[in-house]
Structure formats: structure tokens, C-alpha cells
N, C-alpha and C. Protein backbone atom coordinates (compact mmCIF):
# COMPACT_ATOMS: atom_id res chain seq x y z
N MET A 1 72.66 110.49 82.23
CA MET A 1 73.74 110.15 83.15
C MET A 1 74.91 109.55 82.42
N GLY A 2 76.12 109.80 82.94
CA GLY A 2 77.31 109.20 82.36
C GLY A 2 77.56 107.81 82.90
N LYS A 3 78.69 107.28 82.58
CA LYS A 3 79.09 105.95 83.02
C LYS A 3 79.84 106.04 84.35
N ILE A 4 79.89 104.90 85.04
CA ILE A 4 80.72 104.77 86.23
C ILE A 4 81.89 103.86 85.89
N PHE A 5 83.10 104.33 86.13
CA PHE A 5 84.30 103.54 85.92
C PHE A 5 84.90 103.22 87.30
N ALA A 6 84.86 101.95 87.68
CA ALA A 6 85.42 101.53 88.97
C ALA A 6 86.77 100.88 88.74
N ILE A 7 87.80 101.36 89.45
CA ILE A 7 89.18 100.94 89.23
C ILE A 7 89.70 100.21 90.46
N GLY A 8 90.32 99.06 90.24
CA GLY A 8 90.79 98.21 91.32
C GLY A 8 92.08 98.69 91.97
N ASP A 9 92.61 97.86 92.85
CA ASP A 9 93.77 98.19 93.68
C ASP A 9 95.00 98.48 92.83
N ILE A 10 95.63 99.64 93.05
CA ILE A 10 96.74 100.11 92.21
C ILE A 10 98.09 99.78 92.83
N HIS A 11 98.24 99.96 94.12
CA HIS A 11 99.45 99.59 94.86
C HIS A 11 100.74 100.13 94.24
N GLY A 12 100.76 101.42 93.97
CA GLY A 12 102.00 102.04 93.51
C GLY A 12 102.36 101.82 92.06
N CYS A 13 101.48 101.20 91.28
CA CYS A 13 101.76 100.91 89.87
C CYS A 13 101.30 102.08 89.00
N ARG A 14 102.03 103.18 89.07
CA ARG A 14 101.61 104.40 88.39
C ARG A 14 101.52 104.22 86.88
N GLY A 15 102.49 103.58 86.27
CA GLY A 15 102.49 103.42 84.82
C GLY A 15 101.25 102.69 84.33
N MET A 16 100.82 101.68 85.05
CA MET A 16 99.61 100.95 84.67
C MET A 16 98.38 101.83 84.77
N LEU A 17 98.35 102.69 85.80
CA LEU A 17 97.20 103.59 85.95
C LEU A 17 97.17 104.61 84.82
N VAL A 18 98.33 105.13 84.44
CA VAL A 18 98.39 106.07 83.30
C VAL A 18 97.80 105.43 82.06
N ASP A 19 98.21 104.21 81.76
CA ASP A 19 97.72 103.51 80.57
C ASP A 19 96.23 103.20 80.66
N LEU A 20 95.76 102.86 81.86
CA LEU A 20 94.34 102.54 82.02
C LEU A 20 93.46 103.77 81.83
N ILE A 21 93.88 104.89 82.38
CA ILE A 21 93.10 106.12 82.23
C ILE A 21 93.03 106.52 80.75
N LYS A 22 94.12 106.36 80.03
CA LYS A 22 94.11 106.65 78.59
C LYS A 22 93.13 105.73 77.87
N LYS A 23 93.05 104.50 78.30
CA LYS A 23 92.19 103.52 77.63
C LYS A 23 90.71 103.81 77.88
N ILE A 24 90.35 104.16 79.11
CA ILE A 24 88.94 104.38 79.39
C ILE A 24 88.49 105.78 78.99
N ASN A 25 89.38 106.76 79.06
CA ASN A 25 89.12 108.13 78.59
C ASN A 25 87.79 108.67 79.13
N PRO A 26 87.66 108.85 80.45
CA PRO A 26 86.39 109.30 81.02
C PRO A 26 86.02 110.70 80.59
N ALA A 27 84.72 110.93 80.39
CA ALA A 27 84.23 112.26 80.04
C ALA A 27 84.38 113.18 81.25
N PRO A 28 84.90 114.39 81.07
CA PRO A 28 85.24 115.27 82.19
C PRO A 28 84.08 115.63 83.11
N THR A 29 82.87 115.76 82.58
CA THR A 29 81.75 116.20 83.42
C THR A 29 80.64 115.15 83.57
N GLU A 30 80.54 114.21 82.65
CA GLU A 30 79.42 113.27 82.69
C GLU A 30 79.74 111.99 83.46
N ASP A 31 80.95 111.48 83.35
CA ASP A 31 81.30 110.19 83.92
C ASP A 31 81.79 110.32 85.36
N THR A 32 81.76 109.19 86.07
CA THR A 32 82.25 109.12 87.44
C THR A 32 83.35 108.08 87.54
N LEU A 33 84.47 108.47 88.14
CA LEU A 33 85.57 107.54 88.42
C LEU A 33 85.51 107.16 89.89
N VAL A 34 85.49 105.85 90.16
CA VAL A 34 85.52 105.38 91.54
C VAL A 34 86.78 104.55 91.74
N PHE A 35 87.68 105.05 92.58
CA PHE A 35 88.88 104.31 92.94
C PHE A 35 88.59 103.52 94.20
N ILE A 36 88.85 102.22 94.17
CA ILE A 36 88.39 101.31 95.21
C ILE A 36 89.34 101.24 96.42
N GLY A 37 90.45 102.00 96.37
CA GLY A 37 91.39 102.01 97.50
C GLY A 37 92.66 101.24 97.23
N ASP A 38 93.60 101.29 98.18
CA ASP A 38 94.93 100.70 98.06
C ASP A 38 95.70 101.31 96.89
N TYR A 39 95.96 102.60 97.02
CA TYR A 39 96.76 103.34 96.04
C TYR A 39 98.24 103.11 96.28
N ILE A 40 98.59 102.79 97.51
CA ILE A 40 99.99 102.79 97.93
C ILE A 40 100.45 101.40 98.35
N ASP A 41 101.77 101.32 98.66
CA ASP A 41 102.44 100.12 99.22
C ASP A 41 102.71 99.07 98.14
N ARG A 42 103.81 98.36 98.34
CA ARG A 42 104.27 97.24 97.52
C ARG A 42 104.88 97.69 96.20
N GLY A 43 104.20 98.52 95.42
CA GLY A 43 104.73 98.98 94.15
C GLY A 43 105.76 100.08 94.32
N ARG A 44 106.39 100.48 93.21
CA ARG A 44 107.53 101.40 93.26
C ARG A 44 107.16 102.87 93.39
N ASP A 45 105.94 103.26 92.98
CA ASP A 45 105.68 104.70 92.87
C ASP A 45 104.35 105.08 93.51
N SER A 46 104.23 104.86 94.81
CA SER A 46 103.01 105.24 95.52
C SER A 46 102.78 106.75 95.46
N LYS A 47 103.84 107.53 95.66
CA LYS A 47 103.70 108.99 95.58
C LYS A 47 103.20 109.40 94.20
N GLY A 48 103.74 108.77 93.17
CA GLY A 48 103.32 109.11 91.81
C GLY A 48 101.87 108.77 91.54
N VAL A 49 101.37 107.69 92.13
CA VAL A 49 99.96 107.34 91.99
C VAL A 49 99.08 108.42 92.60
N VAL A 50 99.42 108.85 93.81
CA VAL A 50 98.62 109.88 94.47
C VAL A 50 98.70 111.20 93.69
N ASP A 51 99.88 111.56 93.22
CA ASP A 51 100.02 112.76 92.38
C ASP A 51 99.10 112.68 91.17
N LEU A 52 99.08 111.51 90.52
CA LEU A 52 98.28 111.34 89.31
C LEU A 52 96.79 111.47 89.61
N ILE A 53 96.32 110.86 90.68
CA ILE A 53 94.90 110.94 91.01
C ILE A 53 94.51 112.37 91.36
N ILE A 54 95.37 113.07 92.08
CA ILE A 54 95.10 114.47 92.39
C ILE A 54 94.99 115.28 91.09
N ASP A 55 95.85 115.00 90.11
CA ASP A 55 95.78 115.68 88.81
C ASP A 55 94.50 115.31 88.06
N ILE A 56 94.12 114.04 88.11
CA ILE A 56 92.89 113.59 87.44
C ILE A 56 91.68 114.34 87.99
N LYS A 57 91.67 114.59 89.30
CA LYS A 57 90.54 115.28 89.92
C LYS A 57 90.41 116.73 89.45
N LYS A 58 91.47 117.26 88.87
CA LYS A 58 91.42 118.62 88.34
C LYS A 58 90.69 118.68 86.99
N THR A 59 90.63 117.54 86.28
CA THR A 59 90.03 117.53 84.95
C THR A 59 88.75 116.70 84.86
N VAL A 60 88.58 115.74 85.76
CA VAL A 60 87.36 114.94 85.80
C VAL A 60 86.56 115.39 87.02
N LYS A 61 85.34 115.84 86.80
CA LYS A 61 84.55 116.46 87.86
C LYS A 61 84.17 115.46 88.96
N ASN A 62 83.76 114.27 88.57
CA ASN A 62 83.22 113.31 89.52
C ASN A 62 84.23 112.19 89.79
N VAL A 63 85.04 112.36 90.82
CA VAL A 63 86.03 111.36 91.21
C VAL A 63 85.78 110.99 92.66
N VAL A 64 85.59 109.70 92.91
CA VAL A 64 85.37 109.19 94.26
C VAL A 64 86.57 108.34 94.65
N CYS A 65 87.19 108.65 95.77
CA CYS A 65 88.37 107.92 96.23
C CYS A 65 88.04 107.25 97.57
N LEU A 66 88.03 105.93 97.56
CA LEU A 66 87.73 105.17 98.76
C LEU A 66 89.01 104.84 99.53
N LYS A 67 88.86 104.62 100.82
CA LYS A 67 89.98 104.22 101.67
C LYS A 67 90.17 102.71 101.60
N GLY A 68 91.42 102.29 101.45
CA GLY A 68 91.77 100.88 101.53
C GLY A 68 92.47 100.60 102.84
N ASN A 69 92.68 99.33 103.13
CA ASN A 69 93.37 98.98 104.38
C ASN A 69 94.82 99.50 104.39
N HIS A 70 95.43 99.65 103.22
CA HIS A 70 96.80 100.15 103.19
C HIS A 70 96.86 101.64 103.49
N GLU A 71 95.86 102.40 103.07
CA GLU A 71 95.81 103.81 103.46
C GLU A 71 95.55 103.94 104.97
N SER A 72 94.73 103.04 105.50
CA SER A 72 94.48 103.05 106.94
C SER A 72 95.76 102.78 107.72
N MET A 73 96.54 101.79 107.28
CA MET A 73 97.80 101.50 107.96
C MET A 73 98.76 102.68 107.86
N PHE A 74 98.81 103.31 106.68
CA PHE A 74 99.70 104.46 106.51
C PHE A 74 99.30 105.61 107.43
N LEU A 75 98.00 105.91 107.50
CA LEU A 75 97.55 107.00 108.36
C LEU A 75 97.83 106.70 109.83
N ASN A 76 97.66 105.45 110.24
CA ASN A 76 97.97 105.09 111.62
C ASN A 76 99.44 105.33 111.93
N TYR A 77 100.29 104.96 110.97
CA TYR A 77 101.74 105.15 111.14
C TYR A 77 102.12 106.63 111.06
N TYR A 78 101.63 107.31 110.04
CA TYR A 78 102.08 108.67 109.75
C TYR A 78 101.52 109.69 110.75
N LEU A 79 100.24 109.56 111.09
CA LEU A 79 99.61 110.55 111.95
C LEU A 79 99.75 110.22 113.43
N HIS A 80 99.75 108.92 113.77
CA HIS A 80 99.68 108.54 115.17
C HIS A 80 100.88 107.73 115.66
N GLY A 81 101.75 107.33 114.75
CA GLY A 81 102.94 106.58 115.14
C GLY A 81 102.65 105.20 115.69
N VAL A 82 101.54 104.59 115.26
CA VAL A 82 101.18 103.26 115.76
C VAL A 82 101.22 102.25 114.61
N ASP A 83 101.28 100.97 114.98
CA ASP A 83 101.27 99.86 114.01
C ASP A 83 102.39 100.00 112.97
N GLU A 84 103.55 100.45 113.42
CA GLU A 84 104.66 100.68 112.50
C GLU A 84 105.06 99.42 111.75
N MET A 85 105.25 98.30 112.46
CA MET A 85 105.70 97.08 111.80
C MET A 85 104.63 96.52 110.88
N LEU A 86 103.36 96.66 111.26
CA LEU A 86 102.28 96.20 110.38
C LEU A 86 102.33 96.94 109.05
N PHE A 87 102.54 98.25 109.11
CA PHE A 87 102.64 99.06 107.90
C PHE A 87 103.87 98.69 107.09
N LEU A 88 105.04 98.63 107.73
CA LEU A 88 106.29 98.39 107.02
C LEU A 88 106.33 97.00 106.39
N GLU A 89 105.77 96.02 107.07
CA GLU A 89 105.82 94.64 106.58
C GLU A 89 104.77 94.36 105.50
N ASN A 90 103.90 95.31 105.25
CA ASN A 90 102.87 95.14 104.20
C ASN A 90 103.09 96.11 103.04
N GLY A 91 104.36 96.37 102.73
CA GLY A 91 104.68 97.20 101.59
C GLY A 91 104.95 98.65 101.92
N GLY A 92 104.90 99.00 103.22
CA GLY A 92 105.10 100.39 103.60
C GLY A 92 106.48 100.93 103.30
N ARG A 93 107.50 100.07 103.32
CA ARG A 93 108.86 100.55 103.04
C ARG A 93 108.94 101.14 101.63
N GLU A 94 108.27 100.50 100.68
CA GLU A 94 108.28 101.01 99.31
C GLU A 94 107.58 102.38 99.23
N THR A 95 106.54 102.53 100.02
CA THR A 95 105.85 103.83 100.04
C THR A 95 106.74 104.91 100.61
N LEU A 96 107.41 104.62 101.72
CA LEU A 96 108.32 105.60 102.31
C LEU A 96 109.44 105.97 101.35
N LEU A 97 109.95 104.98 100.64
CA LEU A 97 111.02 105.23 99.67
C LEU A 97 110.54 106.15 98.56
N SER A 98 109.29 106.01 98.14
CA SER A 98 108.78 106.87 97.06
C SER A 98 108.64 108.32 97.51
N TYR A 99 108.51 108.55 98.81
CA TYR A 99 108.38 109.90 99.34
C TYR A 99 109.71 110.48 99.81
N GLY A 100 110.75 109.67 99.91
CA GLY A 100 112.03 110.17 100.36
C GLY A 100 112.83 109.12 101.09
N ASP A 101 113.99 109.48 101.54
CA ASP A 101 114.91 108.57 102.22
C ASP A 101 114.24 107.94 103.44
N PRO A 102 114.07 106.59 103.46
CA PRO A 102 113.42 105.95 104.61
C PRO A 102 114.13 106.25 105.93
N GLY A 103 115.46 106.43 105.88
CA GLY A 103 116.18 106.75 107.11
C GLY A 103 115.70 108.05 107.72
N LEU A 104 115.37 109.02 106.88
CA LEU A 104 114.86 110.29 107.38
C LEU A 104 113.46 110.15 107.94
N TRP A 105 112.69 109.21 107.37
CA TRP A 105 111.36 108.94 107.91
C TRP A 105 111.48 108.46 109.35
N TYR A 106 112.39 107.53 109.56
CA TYR A 106 112.51 106.97 110.90
C TYR A 106 112.97 108.02 111.90
N GLU A 107 113.65 109.04 111.41
CA GLU A 107 114.07 110.14 112.28
C GLU A 107 113.02 111.26 112.34
N LYS A 108 111.87 111.01 111.71
CA LYS A 108 110.75 111.97 111.71
C LYS A 108 111.14 113.29 111.06
N ARG A 109 111.96 113.21 110.01
CA ARG A 109 112.42 114.43 109.34
C ARG A 109 111.82 114.59 107.96
N VAL A 110 110.84 113.74 107.61
CA VAL A 110 110.19 113.84 106.31
C VAL A 110 108.68 113.97 106.50
N ARG A 111 108.08 114.89 105.77
CA ARG A 111 106.63 115.03 105.76
C ARG A 111 106.14 114.85 104.33
N ILE A 112 104.98 114.26 104.17
CA ILE A 112 104.41 114.16 102.83
C ILE A 112 103.84 115.52 102.45
N PRO A 113 103.67 115.79 101.15
CA PRO A 113 103.10 117.09 100.74
C PRO A 113 101.73 117.31 101.37
N GLU A 114 101.40 118.56 101.61
CA GLU A 114 100.14 118.90 102.26
C GLU A 114 98.93 118.38 101.48
N ASN A 115 98.99 118.49 100.14
CA ASN A 115 97.84 118.02 99.36
C ASN A 115 97.70 116.50 99.41
N HIS A 116 98.80 115.79 99.65
CA HIS A 116 98.72 114.34 99.81
C HIS A 116 98.09 114.00 101.16
N GLU A 117 98.49 114.72 102.21
CA GLU A 117 97.89 114.49 103.52
C GLU A 117 96.38 114.74 103.48
N GLN A 118 95.97 115.80 102.80
CA GLN A 118 94.55 116.09 102.65
C GLN A 118 93.85 114.98 101.87
N PHE A 119 94.52 114.47 100.84
CA PHE A 119 93.96 113.37 100.04
C PHE A 119 93.68 112.16 100.92
N PHE A 120 94.66 111.74 101.71
CA PHE A 120 94.50 110.56 102.56
C PHE A 120 93.41 110.78 103.61
N LYS A 121 93.36 111.94 104.21
CA LYS A 121 92.38 112.21 105.25
C LYS A 121 90.95 112.28 104.71
N ALA A 122 90.79 112.60 103.44
CA ALA A 122 89.46 112.78 102.85
C ALA A 122 88.88 111.49 102.26
N LEU A 123 89.61 110.40 102.29
CA LEU A 123 89.13 109.16 101.68
C LEU A 123 87.84 108.67 102.33
N GLN A 124 86.92 108.19 101.50
CA GLN A 124 85.62 107.71 101.97
C GLN A 124 85.67 106.20 102.23
N LEU A 125 84.82 105.75 103.16
CA LEU A 125 84.74 104.31 103.44
C LEU A 125 83.91 103.58 102.39
N TYR A 126 82.89 104.24 101.85
CA TYR A 126 82.08 103.60 100.81
C TYR A 126 81.41 104.67 99.97
N TYR A 127 80.88 104.25 98.84
CA TYR A 127 80.15 105.14 97.93
C TYR A 127 78.94 104.36 97.43
N GLU A 128 77.79 104.99 97.43
CA GLU A 128 76.54 104.31 97.10
C GLU A 128 75.81 105.03 95.99
N THR A 129 75.29 104.28 95.02
CA THR A 129 74.41 104.80 93.99
C THR A 129 73.09 104.05 94.06
N ASP A 130 72.20 104.31 93.12
CA ASP A 130 70.91 103.62 93.13
C ASP A 130 71.06 102.12 92.93
N GLU A 131 72.13 101.69 92.25
CA GLU A 131 72.28 100.28 91.91
C GLU A 131 73.48 99.59 92.55
N TYR A 132 74.44 100.36 93.06
CA TYR A 132 75.70 99.75 93.51
C TYR A 132 76.15 100.32 94.86
N ILE A 133 76.90 99.50 95.58
CA ILE A 133 77.66 99.93 96.74
C ILE A 133 79.13 99.65 96.44
N PHE A 134 79.96 100.66 96.55
CA PHE A 134 81.39 100.51 96.31
C PHE A 134 82.10 100.56 97.67
N VAL A 135 82.96 99.58 97.94
CA VAL A 135 83.67 99.52 99.21
C VAL A 135 84.97 98.77 98.97
N HIS A 136 85.98 99.04 99.79
CA HIS A 136 87.28 98.45 99.51
C HIS A 136 87.29 96.93 99.63
N ALA A 137 86.99 96.41 100.81
CA ALA A 137 87.13 94.97 101.04
C ALA A 137 85.82 94.20 100.94
N GLY A 138 84.74 94.81 101.38
CA GLY A 138 83.45 94.12 101.37
C GLY A 138 82.62 94.53 102.57
N LEU A 139 81.55 93.78 102.82
CA LEU A 139 80.62 94.09 103.90
C LEU A 139 80.32 92.82 104.68
N ARG A 140 79.98 93.00 105.94
CA ARG A 140 79.61 91.87 106.80
C ARG A 140 78.17 91.46 106.48
N PRO A 141 77.96 90.22 106.02
CA PRO A 141 76.60 89.78 105.69
C PRO A 141 75.64 89.92 106.88
N GLY A 142 74.41 90.33 106.57
CA GLY A 142 73.38 90.43 107.58
C GLY A 142 73.35 91.73 108.35
N ILE A 143 74.28 92.65 108.07
CA ILE A 143 74.34 93.92 108.78
C ILE A 143 74.03 95.05 107.79
N PRO A 144 73.12 95.97 108.12
CA PRO A 144 72.81 97.09 107.23
C PRO A 144 74.06 97.93 106.95
N LEU A 145 74.06 98.57 105.80
CA LEU A 145 75.22 99.35 105.38
C LEU A 145 75.61 100.40 106.42
N GLU A 146 74.63 101.09 106.97
CA GLU A 146 74.93 102.18 107.90
C GLU A 146 75.47 101.68 109.24
N LYS A 147 75.39 100.37 109.49
CA LYS A 147 75.89 99.81 110.74
C LYS A 147 77.15 98.96 110.54
N GLN A 148 77.70 98.98 109.34
CA GLN A 148 78.91 98.22 109.06
C GLN A 148 80.10 98.77 109.84
N ASP A 149 80.98 97.89 110.25
CA ASP A 149 82.18 98.27 110.98
C ASP A 149 83.29 98.65 110.00
N GLU A 150 84.03 99.71 110.30
CA GLU A 150 85.10 100.16 109.42
C GLU A 150 86.14 99.07 109.17
N GLU A 151 86.48 98.31 110.18
CA GLU A 151 87.48 97.27 109.99
C GLU A 151 87.02 96.23 108.97
N ASP A 152 85.74 95.87 108.99
CA ASP A 152 85.23 94.95 107.98
C ASP A 152 85.30 95.56 106.59
N MET A 153 84.93 96.81 106.46
CA MET A 153 84.94 97.47 105.16
C MET A 153 86.34 97.50 104.55
N LEU A 154 87.36 97.51 105.42
CA LEU A 154 88.74 97.62 104.95
C LEU A 154 89.46 96.27 104.88
N TRP A 155 89.01 95.27 105.65
CA TRP A 155 89.81 94.05 105.82
C TRP A 155 89.08 92.74 105.52
N ILE A 156 87.75 92.71 105.50
CA ILE A 156 87.04 91.44 105.39
C ILE A 156 87.40 90.71 104.10
N ARG A 157 87.39 89.38 104.16
CA ARG A 157 87.65 88.59 102.95
C ARG A 157 86.59 87.50 102.79
N ARG A 158 86.89 86.27 103.24
CA ARG A 158 86.06 85.12 102.88
C ARG A 158 84.64 85.23 103.40
N GLU A 159 84.44 85.81 104.60
CA GLU A 159 83.08 85.91 105.13
C GLU A 159 82.16 86.67 104.18
N PHE A 160 82.72 87.63 103.46
CA PHE A 160 81.96 88.39 102.47
C PHE A 160 81.98 87.70 101.11
N ILE A 161 83.16 87.34 100.64
CA ILE A 161 83.29 86.82 99.28
C ILE A 161 82.51 85.53 99.10
N ASP A 162 82.53 84.66 100.09
CA ASP A 162 81.86 83.36 99.98
C ASP A 162 80.37 83.42 100.29
N SER A 163 79.89 84.57 100.70
CA SER A 163 78.48 84.71 101.05
C SER A 163 77.65 85.09 99.83
N SER A 164 76.40 84.61 99.80
CA SER A 164 75.47 85.01 98.74
C SER A 164 74.46 86.04 99.26
N TYR A 165 74.75 86.63 100.44
CA TYR A 165 73.84 87.60 101.03
C TYR A 165 73.63 88.78 100.08
N ASN A 166 72.39 89.20 99.95
CA ASN A 166 72.03 90.30 99.07
C ASN A 166 71.82 91.58 99.88
N PHE A 167 72.65 92.58 99.65
CA PHE A 167 72.55 93.86 100.35
C PHE A 167 71.55 94.80 99.69
N GLY A 168 70.83 94.31 98.68
CA GLY A 168 69.86 95.13 97.97
C GLY A 168 70.45 95.85 96.78
N LYS A 169 71.77 95.91 96.75
CA LYS A 169 72.50 96.49 95.63
C LYS A 169 73.76 95.66 95.41
N ARG A 170 74.24 95.64 94.20
CA ARG A 170 75.47 94.89 93.91
C ARG A 170 76.65 95.59 94.56
N VAL A 171 77.51 94.82 95.21
CA VAL A 171 78.66 95.38 95.91
C VAL A 171 79.90 95.24 95.03
N VAL A 172 80.55 96.35 94.75
CA VAL A 172 81.78 96.37 93.96
C VAL A 172 82.94 96.56 94.93
N PHE A 173 83.93 95.65 94.88
CA PHE A 173 84.97 95.65 95.90
C PHE A 173 86.32 95.27 95.31
N GLY A 174 87.37 95.48 96.10
CA GLY A 174 88.73 95.09 95.73
C GLY A 174 89.35 94.27 96.85
N HIS A 175 90.57 94.61 97.24
CA HIS A 175 91.24 94.08 98.43
C HIS A 175 91.79 92.66 98.27
N THR A 176 90.98 91.74 97.79
CA THR A 176 91.40 90.35 97.66
C THR A 176 91.79 90.08 96.21
N PRO A 177 93.10 89.95 95.91
CA PRO A 177 93.51 89.76 94.51
C PRO A 177 93.07 88.40 93.98
N MET A 178 92.60 88.41 92.74
CA MET A 178 92.16 87.20 92.06
C MET A 178 92.71 87.21 90.64
N PRO A 179 92.85 86.04 90.03
CA PRO A 179 93.37 86.00 88.66
C PRO A 179 92.44 86.64 87.64
N GLY A 180 91.17 86.70 87.93
CA GLY A 180 90.20 87.35 87.06
C GLY A 180 89.13 88.01 87.90
N LEU A 181 88.23 88.74 87.27
CA LEU A 181 87.17 89.40 88.02
C LEU A 181 86.25 88.37 88.66
N ARG A 182 85.72 88.70 89.83
CA ARG A 182 84.71 87.87 90.49
C ARG A 182 83.37 88.56 90.25
N ILE A 183 82.52 87.97 89.44
CA ILE A 183 81.23 88.57 89.12
C ILE A 183 80.12 87.57 89.40
N ASP A 184 79.20 87.92 90.30
CA ASP A 184 78.01 87.10 90.50
C ASP A 184 76.82 88.04 90.73
N LYS A 185 75.71 87.51 91.18
CA LYS A 185 74.48 88.30 91.28
C LYS A 185 74.56 89.38 92.35
N THR A 186 75.44 89.21 93.34
CA THR A 186 75.46 90.14 94.46
C THR A 186 76.73 90.97 94.55
N LYS A 187 77.76 90.61 93.82
CA LYS A 187 79.04 91.31 93.99
C LYS A 187 79.90 91.27 92.73
N ILE A 188 80.83 92.24 92.67
CA ILE A 188 81.82 92.31 91.59
C ILE A 188 83.17 92.60 92.23
N GLY A 189 84.12 91.68 92.11
CA GLY A 189 85.46 91.87 92.64
C GLY A 189 86.41 92.29 91.54
N ILE A 190 87.12 93.41 91.74
CA ILE A 190 87.92 93.97 90.64
C ILE A 190 89.41 94.10 90.97
N ASP A 191 89.88 93.46 92.05
CA ASP A 191 91.33 93.44 92.31
C ASP A 191 91.92 92.23 91.59
N THR A 192 92.62 92.49 90.50
CA THR A 192 93.22 91.41 89.71
C THR A 192 94.75 91.41 89.83
N GLY A 193 95.25 91.85 90.98
CA GLY A 193 96.65 91.66 91.34
C GLY A 193 97.66 92.40 90.51
N ALA A 194 97.40 93.68 90.22
CA ALA A 194 98.33 94.46 89.39
C ALA A 194 99.76 94.41 89.91
N VAL A 195 99.94 94.55 91.21
CA VAL A 195 101.29 94.63 91.77
C VAL A 195 101.96 93.27 91.86
N TYR A 196 101.19 92.21 91.66
CA TYR A 196 101.73 90.85 91.74
C TYR A 196 101.96 90.23 90.35
N GLY A 197 102.00 91.05 89.33
CA GLY A 197 102.19 90.55 87.97
C GLY A 197 100.90 90.33 87.23
N GLY A 198 99.77 90.67 87.85
CA GLY A 198 98.48 90.57 87.19
C GLY A 198 98.14 91.85 86.43
N LYS A 199 96.86 92.11 86.27
CA LYS A 199 96.40 93.28 85.52
C LYS A 199 95.76 94.30 86.44
N LEU A 200 95.79 95.55 86.02
CA LEU A 200 95.01 96.60 86.66
C LEU A 200 93.69 96.67 85.92
N THR A 201 92.59 96.56 86.66
CA THR A 201 91.28 96.39 86.05
C THR A 201 90.36 97.56 86.34
N CYS A 202 89.56 97.91 85.32
CA CYS A 202 88.46 98.87 85.46
C CYS A 202 87.21 98.22 84.88
N ILE A 203 86.09 98.36 85.57
CA ILE A 203 84.82 97.91 85.02
C ILE A 203 83.92 99.13 84.82
N MET A 204 83.33 99.23 83.64
CA MET A 204 82.42 100.33 83.32
C MET A 204 80.99 99.86 83.58
N LEU A 205 80.28 100.63 84.40
CA LEU A 205 78.92 100.29 84.79
C LEU A 205 77.94 101.35 84.26
N PRO A 206 76.72 100.91 83.92
CA PRO A 206 76.17 99.56 84.08
C PRO A 206 76.44 98.60 82.94
N ASP A 207 77.23 99.01 81.96
CA ASP A 207 77.43 98.19 80.76
C ASP A 207 78.19 96.90 81.02
N MET A 208 78.95 96.86 82.14
CA MET A 208 79.78 95.71 82.48
C MET A 208 80.93 95.50 81.48
N GLU A 209 81.38 96.60 80.85
CA GLU A 209 82.53 96.50 79.96
C GLU A 209 83.81 96.56 80.79
N ILE A 210 84.76 95.70 80.45
CA ILE A 210 85.98 95.57 81.25
C ILE A 210 87.17 96.13 80.48
N PHE A 211 87.98 96.93 81.17
CA PHE A 211 89.22 97.47 80.63
C PHE A 211 90.37 97.00 81.51
N GLN A 212 91.47 96.56 80.89
CA GLN A 212 92.61 96.09 81.66
C GLN A 212 93.90 96.49 80.99
N VAL A 213 94.94 96.68 81.81
CA VAL A 213 96.30 96.88 81.29
C VAL A 213 97.23 95.98 82.08
């Protein structure tokens, strides 16, 4: 088996992702890349991040892309026209700008590329292996994985992070930015605040080797 490379929240920081992929250099057929969600919003090049991941999937066979709360907000806005202010006030304006003139968005005259729409619609809520559970925000303690609520998977913070509950597998998550990785017996937090002046982080499993840019 190859290695698993789990990558934290990118938030439109395309240049950092380019450098990180060069650093980890995943094997095209043996390794697995797991993106933990939040590809868009806040940073300058959300469209470029999605373009890059779509290109990576053409050369790396095993790529898992999870849904983050920011993709959920974007889909609610883009597909259903709901929660507009929630999306815009959480970095959505930068995302719209990366796809085209925001004024045209408000007039409903801009569509994202078809392959981008397919990318967003295909995002998974979680990914499970024999040893790990990968999810964007975390899990509600005391509830089996198959009964977890989508909102918790995308939005939960302290109830999960501060808990020592053991889900039977180590949970790898992002969503809550921290100055360094959060690693304990039950969980690994890999959002190190790339868009806030921190680093973009990847952890290689099971070796626990850390790559950052």
C-alpha cells in the first residue's frame, strides 16, 4: 500500500498548494491524496485552486475531496439562491471575484465551468480507511459515524475538539485553524491557517511525517 497524504484547508491559496504538492510529490498510482475541504473563500484564487485539484486528479489515481462548510455555503448560494449573506460575509466575495465580475454574479449572468460544478457536487462528507476517519470539521461524540449529522461534520468545533471520545479510529480534520497541528490519541487537526498568514499543512500517514509551506 502507498501513503496517505491529508491536506488541510486551502481557502483560495493556490500558490501554497502548488508548492506543497511539489514538496510531497505523491506517487501517481500507489498514494492517496485526501483534501479535507474548504478549497474556496477568503483567499485570492479559489477558481485556481479548483482548477489545480481537477488537474491533479488527472495524474494521481487516488484523490479524495471532502466537502467543507465553505463549499456547502457556496452550493446553497449558487444552486439554490439561499444564505447569500452568510456566504458573502465568510469570504464568498473573493470566490465570486475569482470566477468573474461580482456585479454580473448578482445579476445571475455568470456560471462556473461545468467541470467545477461537477467537482462541488461530487464532494464527499467523509472518507474512512482501516485506521482513520477523514472529515472536514469533526464528529459529534457518542454518535456512530453512519448516524452523524451533516451540519456537525461541516461545522462542529469545541464539542469535538475538546472531547477525548474514541470513535475507534483516529479522526483527521480541518475547519478550526490552529497555530500548529493538533495531535492526540483520538484526533489529528491539520488546519494551520494558511489564509490567515499561517502554513498550509499536509500530514503523511501512517508515518506521521509533516509537510508545510
